[in-house]
Amino acid sequence: MSTTSTESLTPSRLAEVLPFARKHGVDAYLYAVEKMTRRIFPDATRISLFIEEDPEVANDAHLVFEVVVPDLEPDQYVEAKWRWSQGLFEVCPAPLVCLFRCRLRVGEP
C-alpha cells in the first residue's frame, strides 16, 4: 500500500472549504466523505480537497476530492468511480451529493 499525502482536511484546507460547506449545508458530511474516499482508494498517493467553480455556469461550484492513484486499468477506473458515487450516497443525503465531486487521476506523482 502506498503512503498517502493528504491535503484534504488539514486545518488550513478546512479553513478554506468550511465556509462554502456551511453555506451549502454539507459541513457535517465533510469528514464522512473524506473517510469514505480513503476507504475506496486505499492506494492513493494523494487526496486533496478544493472548491471548483464551473467556468460555464454562473454560481455553480463544488467540493472536489482529487485522488491520485498509481495505476488503474480502464475497467478498474470505472469501478472505482462507481464505488465512490455509491459510497457518497451512503454518507451524505441524496439532495446534497451534487455538491461533491471526485476527480480521479491515474499515474501522476
N, C-alpha and C. Protein backbone atom coordinates (compact mmCIF):
# COMPACT_ATOMS: atom_id res chain seq x y z
N MET A 1 0.84 -1.17 0.00
CA MET A 1 0.00 0.00 0.00
C MET A 1 0.89 1.24 0.00
N SER A 2 0.49 2.23 -0.76
CA SER A 2 1.27 3.46 -0.88
C SER A 2 1.01 4.39 0.29
N THR A 3 1.98 5.26 0.51
CA THR A 3 1.81 6.30 1.51
C THR A 3 0.98 7.42 0.91
N THR A 4 -0.01 7.87 1.63
CA THR A 4 -0.89 8.91 1.11
C THR A 4 -0.46 10.26 1.62
N SER A 5 -0.28 11.18 0.69
CA SER A 5 -0.05 12.58 1.04
C SER A 5 -1.43 13.22 1.02
N THR A 6 -1.80 13.82 2.11
CA THR A 6 -3.14 14.38 2.18
C THR A 6 -3.13 15.88 2.32
N GLU A 7 -4.02 16.49 1.64
CA GLU A 7 -4.24 17.92 1.77
C GLU A 7 -5.72 18.15 2.05
N SER A 8 -6.47 17.09 2.21
CA SER A 8 -7.91 17.22 2.22
C SER A 8 -8.45 18.02 3.40
N LEU A 9 -8.35 17.52 4.61
CA LEU A 9 -8.96 18.24 5.73
C LEU A 9 -7.93 18.68 6.76
N THR A 10 -6.80 19.17 6.29
CA THR A 10 -5.84 19.80 7.19
C THR A 10 -6.49 21.09 7.71
N PRO A 11 -6.02 21.63 8.82
CA PRO A 11 -6.63 22.86 9.33
C PRO A 11 -6.68 24.00 8.31
N SER A 12 -5.61 24.18 7.55
CA SER A 12 -5.63 25.28 6.57
C SER A 12 -6.60 25.00 5.43
N ARG A 13 -6.66 23.74 4.97
CA ARG A 13 -7.59 23.38 3.90
C ARG A 13 -9.03 23.48 4.41
N LEU A 14 -9.26 23.03 5.61
CA LEU A 14 -10.59 23.10 6.20
C LEU A 14 -11.05 24.56 6.31
N ALA A 15 -10.14 25.44 6.70
CA ALA A 15 -10.48 26.87 6.80
C ALA A 15 -10.90 27.42 5.44
N GLU A 16 -10.35 26.89 4.36
CA GLU A 16 -10.70 27.35 3.02
C GLU A 16 -12.05 26.83 2.56
N VAL A 17 -12.36 25.57 2.86
CA VAL A 17 -13.59 24.97 2.32
C VAL A 17 -14.78 25.04 3.26
N LEU A 18 -14.53 25.23 4.55
CA LEU A 18 -15.62 25.20 5.53
C LEU A 18 -16.69 26.27 5.30
N PRO A 19 -16.34 27.52 5.01
CA PRO A 19 -17.40 28.49 4.76
C PRO A 19 -18.33 28.08 3.60
N PHE A 20 -17.76 27.56 2.54
CA PHE A 20 -18.56 27.08 1.41
C PHE A 20 -19.44 25.90 1.85
N ALA A 21 -18.83 24.95 2.57
CA ALA A 21 -19.57 23.78 3.02
C ALA A 21 -20.72 24.17 3.95
N ARG A 22 -20.46 25.10 4.85
CA ARG A 22 -21.53 25.57 5.76
C ARG A 22 -22.64 26.24 4.99
N LYS A 23 -22.26 27.10 4.07
CA LYS A 23 -23.25 27.84 3.27
C LYS A 23 -24.20 26.89 2.55
N HIS A 24 -23.67 25.74 2.11
CA HIS A 24 -24.47 24.79 1.34
C HIS A 24 -24.96 23.61 2.17
N GLY A 25 -24.72 23.64 3.48
CA GLY A 25 -25.27 22.63 4.38
C GLY A 25 -24.61 21.26 4.32
N VAL A 26 -23.33 21.22 3.89
CA VAL A 26 -22.65 19.92 3.81
C VAL A 26 -21.48 19.81 4.78
N ASP A 27 -21.30 20.79 5.64
CA ASP A 27 -20.16 20.78 6.57
C ASP A 27 -20.17 19.54 7.46
N ALA A 28 -21.34 19.07 7.85
CA ALA A 28 -21.43 17.90 8.72
C ALA A 28 -21.00 16.61 8.01
N TYR A 29 -20.86 16.65 6.69
CA TYR A 29 -20.55 15.45 5.92
C TYR A 29 -19.12 15.41 5.40
N LEU A 30 -18.36 16.48 5.59
CA LEU A 30 -17.01 16.54 5.05
C LEU A 30 -16.13 15.38 5.51
N TYR A 31 -16.11 15.13 6.81
CA TYR A 31 -15.24 14.06 7.33
C TYR A 31 -15.71 12.69 6.87
N ALA A 32 -17.01 12.50 6.78
CA ALA A 32 -17.54 11.21 6.33
C ALA A 32 -17.18 10.96 4.86
N VAL A 33 -17.25 12.00 4.04
CA VAL A 33 -16.90 11.85 2.63
C VAL A 33 -15.40 11.60 2.49
N GLU A 34 -14.60 12.30 3.29
CA GLU A 34 -13.15 12.07 3.24
C GLU A 34 -12.83 10.63 3.66
N LYS A 35 -13.42 10.16 4.73
CA LYS A 35 -13.16 8.80 5.22
C LYS A 35 -13.58 7.77 4.17
N MET A 36 -14.73 7.99 3.55
CA MET A 36 -15.20 7.08 2.50
C MET A 36 -14.25 7.10 1.31
N THR A 37 -13.75 8.27 0.95
CA THR A 37 -12.81 8.40 -0.17
C THR A 37 -11.54 7.62 0.12
N ARG A 38 -11.04 7.72 1.33
CA ARG A 38 -9.83 6.98 1.71
C ARG A 38 -10.07 5.46 1.69
N ARG A 39 -11.27 5.06 2.07
CA ARG A 39 -11.61 3.63 2.05
C ARG A 39 -11.69 3.11 0.62
N ILE A 40 -12.28 3.88 -0.28
CA ILE A 40 -12.43 3.46 -1.67
C ILE A 40 -11.08 3.43 -2.39
N PHE A 41 -10.19 4.36 -2.02
CA PHE A 41 -8.89 4.48 -2.69
C PHE A 41 -7.74 4.28 -1.69
N PRO A 42 -7.57 3.07 -1.17
CA PRO A 42 -6.52 2.85 -0.16
C PRO A 42 -5.11 3.01 -0.72
N ASP A 43 -4.93 2.90 -2.03
CA ASP A 43 -3.61 3.02 -2.63
C ASP A 43 -3.33 4.43 -3.16
N ALA A 44 -4.18 5.37 -2.82
CA ALA A 44 -3.98 6.75 -3.31
C ALA A 44 -2.64 7.29 -2.83
N THR A 45 -1.97 7.99 -3.71
CA THR A 45 -0.72 8.64 -3.32
C THR A 45 -0.98 10.08 -2.88
N ARG A 46 -2.15 10.61 -3.24
CA ARG A 46 -2.53 11.95 -2.78
C ARG A 46 -4.05 12.08 -2.84
N ILE A 47 -4.59 12.72 -1.82
CA ILE A 47 -6.01 13.09 -1.81
C ILE A 47 -6.06 14.55 -1.40
N SER A 48 -6.63 15.36 -2.25
CA SER A 48 -6.75 16.78 -1.90
C SER A 48 -8.20 17.22 -2.07
N LEU A 49 -8.53 18.30 -1.41
CA LEU A 49 -9.88 18.83 -1.42
C LEU A 49 -9.82 20.31 -1.75
N PHE A 50 -10.68 20.73 -2.67
CA PHE A 50 -10.74 22.14 -3.01
C PHE A 50 -12.12 22.48 -3.56
N ILE A 51 -12.38 23.75 -3.67
CA ILE A 51 -13.62 24.25 -4.27
C ILE A 51 -13.32 24.55 -5.73
N GLU A 52 -14.19 24.09 -6.59
CA GLU A 52 -14.02 24.37 -8.01
C GLU A 52 -15.30 25.00 -8.55
N GLU A 53 -15.15 26.15 -9.16
CA GLU A 53 -16.28 26.84 -9.78
C GLU A 53 -16.40 26.42 -11.23
N ASP A 54 -17.61 26.26 -11.68
CA ASP A 54 -17.86 25.92 -13.08
C ASP A 54 -17.65 27.18 -13.92
N PRO A 55 -16.72 27.15 -14.87
CA PRO A 55 -16.46 28.35 -15.66
C PRO A 55 -17.59 28.70 -16.63
N GLU A 56 -18.48 27.76 -16.88
CA GLU A 56 -19.55 28.00 -17.85
C GLU A 56 -20.90 28.25 -17.22
N VAL A 57 -21.04 27.93 -15.93
CA VAL A 57 -22.33 28.10 -15.27
C VAL A 57 -22.15 29.02 -14.07
N ALA A 58 -22.80 30.15 -14.11
CA ALA A 58 -22.67 31.13 -13.02
C ALA A 58 -23.18 30.55 -11.71
N ASN A 59 -22.49 30.84 -10.63
CA ASN A 59 -22.88 30.44 -9.27
C ASN A 59 -22.98 28.92 -9.10
N ASP A 60 -22.16 28.18 -9.82
CA ASP A 60 -22.15 26.72 -9.69
C ASP A 60 -20.74 26.30 -9.27
N ALA A 61 -20.64 25.81 -8.05
CA ALA A 61 -19.34 25.38 -7.52
C ALA A 61 -19.53 24.08 -6.76
N HIS A 62 -18.43 23.34 -6.62
CA HIS A 62 -18.47 22.03 -5.98
C HIS A 62 -17.24 21.82 -5.11
N LEU A 63 -17.36 20.93 -4.15
CA LEU A 63 -16.23 20.47 -3.36
C LEU A 63 -15.65 19.25 -4.09
N VAL A 64 -14.41 19.36 -4.50
CA VAL A 64 -13.78 18.31 -5.29
C VAL A 64 -12.73 17.58 -4.45
N PHE A 65 -12.91 16.27 -4.35
CA PHE A 65 -11.88 15.41 -3.78
C PHE A 65 -11.08 14.91 -4.97
N GLU A 66 -9.84 15.37 -5.09
CA GLU A 66 -8.98 14.91 -6.16
C GLU A 66 -8.10 13.80 -5.62
N VAL A 67 -8.17 12.65 -6.28
CA VAL A 67 -7.48 11.45 -5.82
C VAL A 67 -6.48 11.02 -6.89
N VAL A 68 -5.25 10.85 -6.48
CA VAL A 68 -4.20 10.38 -7.38
C VAL A 68 -3.87 8.94 -7.00
N VAL A 69 -3.97 8.06 -7.97
CA VAL A 69 -3.65 6.65 -7.76
C VAL A 69 -2.54 6.25 -8.73
N PRO A 70 -1.69 5.30 -8.34
CA PRO A 70 -0.54 4.97 -9.18
C PRO A 70 -0.92 4.31 -10.51
N ASP A 71 -1.91 3.43 -10.51
CA ASP A 71 -2.21 2.70 -11.73
C ASP A 71 -3.59 2.07 -11.63
N LEU A 72 -4.37 2.21 -12.68
CA LEU A 72 -5.66 1.55 -12.78
C LEU A 72 -5.91 1.21 -14.24
N GLU A 73 -6.43 0.05 -14.47
CA GLU A 73 -6.88 -0.33 -15.80
C GLU A 73 -8.22 0.38 -16.04
N PRO A 74 -8.63 0.56 -17.29
CA PRO A 74 -9.88 1.27 -17.56
C PRO A 74 -11.09 0.72 -16.80
N ASP A 75 -11.22 -0.61 -16.74
CA ASP A 75 -12.36 -1.19 -16.02
C ASP A 75 -12.26 -0.93 -14.52
N GLN A 76 -11.04 -0.91 -13.98
CA GLN A 76 -10.85 -0.59 -12.56
C GLN A 76 -11.20 0.87 -12.28
N TYR A 77 -10.86 1.75 -13.21
CA TYR A 77 -11.18 3.18 -13.09
C TYR A 77 -12.69 3.36 -12.99
N VAL A 78 -13.41 2.75 -13.90
CA VAL A 78 -14.87 2.87 -13.92
C VAL A 78 -15.46 2.31 -12.63
N GLU A 79 -14.97 1.15 -12.20
CA GLU A 79 -15.46 0.53 -10.97
C GLU A 79 -15.18 1.41 -9.75
N ALA A 80 -13.99 2.00 -9.68
CA ALA A 80 -13.64 2.86 -8.55
C ALA A 80 -14.53 4.10 -8.50
N LYS A 81 -14.76 4.70 -9.65
CA LYS A 81 -15.63 5.88 -9.69
C LYS A 81 -17.06 5.50 -9.28
N TRP A 82 -17.53 4.34 -9.70
CA TRP A 82 -18.86 3.86 -9.34
C TRP A 82 -18.96 3.63 -7.83
N ARG A 83 -17.93 3.00 -7.26
CA ARG A 83 -17.94 2.75 -5.81
C ARG A 83 -17.93 4.06 -5.04
N TRP A 84 -17.18 5.06 -5.53
CA TRP A 84 -17.15 6.37 -4.85
C TRP A 84 -18.54 7.01 -4.90
N SER A 85 -19.18 6.97 -6.05
CA SER A 85 -20.52 7.55 -6.18
C SER A 85 -21.52 6.84 -5.27
N GLN A 86 -21.45 5.53 -5.24
CA GLN A 86 -22.34 4.75 -4.36
C GLN A 86 -22.07 5.10 -2.90
N GLY A 87 -20.79 5.16 -2.53
CA GLY A 87 -20.40 5.49 -1.17
C GLY A 87 -20.86 6.87 -0.75
N LEU A 88 -20.86 7.80 -1.68
CA LEU A 88 -21.30 9.16 -1.38
C LEU A 88 -22.76 9.16 -0.93
N PHE A 89 -23.59 8.38 -1.58
CA PHE A 89 -25.00 8.29 -1.19
C PHE A 89 -25.18 7.62 0.17
N GLU A 90 -24.20 6.85 0.60
CA GLU A 90 -24.27 6.19 1.91
C GLU A 90 -23.91 7.14 3.05
N VAL A 91 -23.12 8.17 2.77
CA VAL A 91 -22.65 9.06 3.84
C VAL A 91 -23.22 10.47 3.76
N CYS A 92 -23.96 10.77 2.71
CA CYS A 92 -24.47 12.12 2.51
C CYS A 92 -25.91 12.03 1.99
N PRO A 93 -26.81 12.87 2.48
CA PRO A 93 -28.18 12.83 1.98
C PRO A 93 -28.24 13.12 0.47
N ALA A 94 -29.11 12.40 -0.21
CA ALA A 94 -29.21 12.50 -1.67
C ALA A 94 -29.33 13.93 -2.19
N PRO A 95 -30.12 14.81 -1.57
CA PRO A 95 -30.21 16.16 -2.13
C PRO A 95 -28.91 16.96 -2.08
N LEU A 96 -27.93 16.48 -1.30
CA LEU A 96 -26.68 17.23 -1.13
C LEU A 96 -25.50 16.63 -1.89
N VAL A 97 -25.64 15.43 -2.43
CA VAL A 97 -24.50 14.79 -3.08
C VAL A 97 -24.00 15.58 -4.28
N CYS A 98 -24.85 16.38 -4.88
CA CYS A 98 -24.45 17.14 -6.06
C CYS A 98 -23.37 18.18 -5.75
N LEU A 99 -23.14 18.45 -4.49
CA LEU A 99 -22.10 19.42 -4.12
C LEU A 99 -20.71 18.81 -4.07
N PHE A 100 -20.63 17.49 -4.13
CA PHE A 100 -19.34 16.80 -4.08
C PHE A 100 -18.97 16.21 -5.44
N ARG A 101 -17.69 16.21 -5.72
CA ARG A 101 -17.15 15.61 -6.95
C ARG A 101 -15.90 14.81 -6.58
N CYS A 102 -15.62 13.81 -7.39
CA CYS A 102 -14.39 13.05 -7.26
C CYS A 102 -13.65 13.15 -8.59
N ARG A 103 -12.45 13.68 -8.55
CA ARG A 103 -11.60 13.71 -9.74
C ARG A 103 -10.51 12.69 -9.52
N LEU A 104 -10.50 11.69 -10.35
CA LEU A 104 -9.55 10.59 -10.21
C LEU A 104 -8.45 10.76 -11.25
N ARG A 105 -7.23 10.83 -10.78
CA ARG A 105 -6.06 10.97 -11.66
C ARG A 105 -5.20 9.72 -11.51
N VAL A 106 -4.82 9.15 -12.64
CA VAL A 106 -4.10 7.89 -12.64
C VAL A 106 -2.67 8.10 -13.13
N GLY A 107 -1.72 7.52 -12.39
CA GLY A 107 -0.34 7.50 -12.81
C GLY A 107 0.42 8.80 -12.64
N GLU A 108 -0.15 9.75 -11.94
CA GLU A 108 0.54 11.01 -11.70
C GLU A 108 1.31 10.92 -10.39
N PRO A 109 2.33 11.75 -10.25
CA PRO A 109 3.09 11.75 -8.99
C PRO A 109 2.27 12.30 -7.84
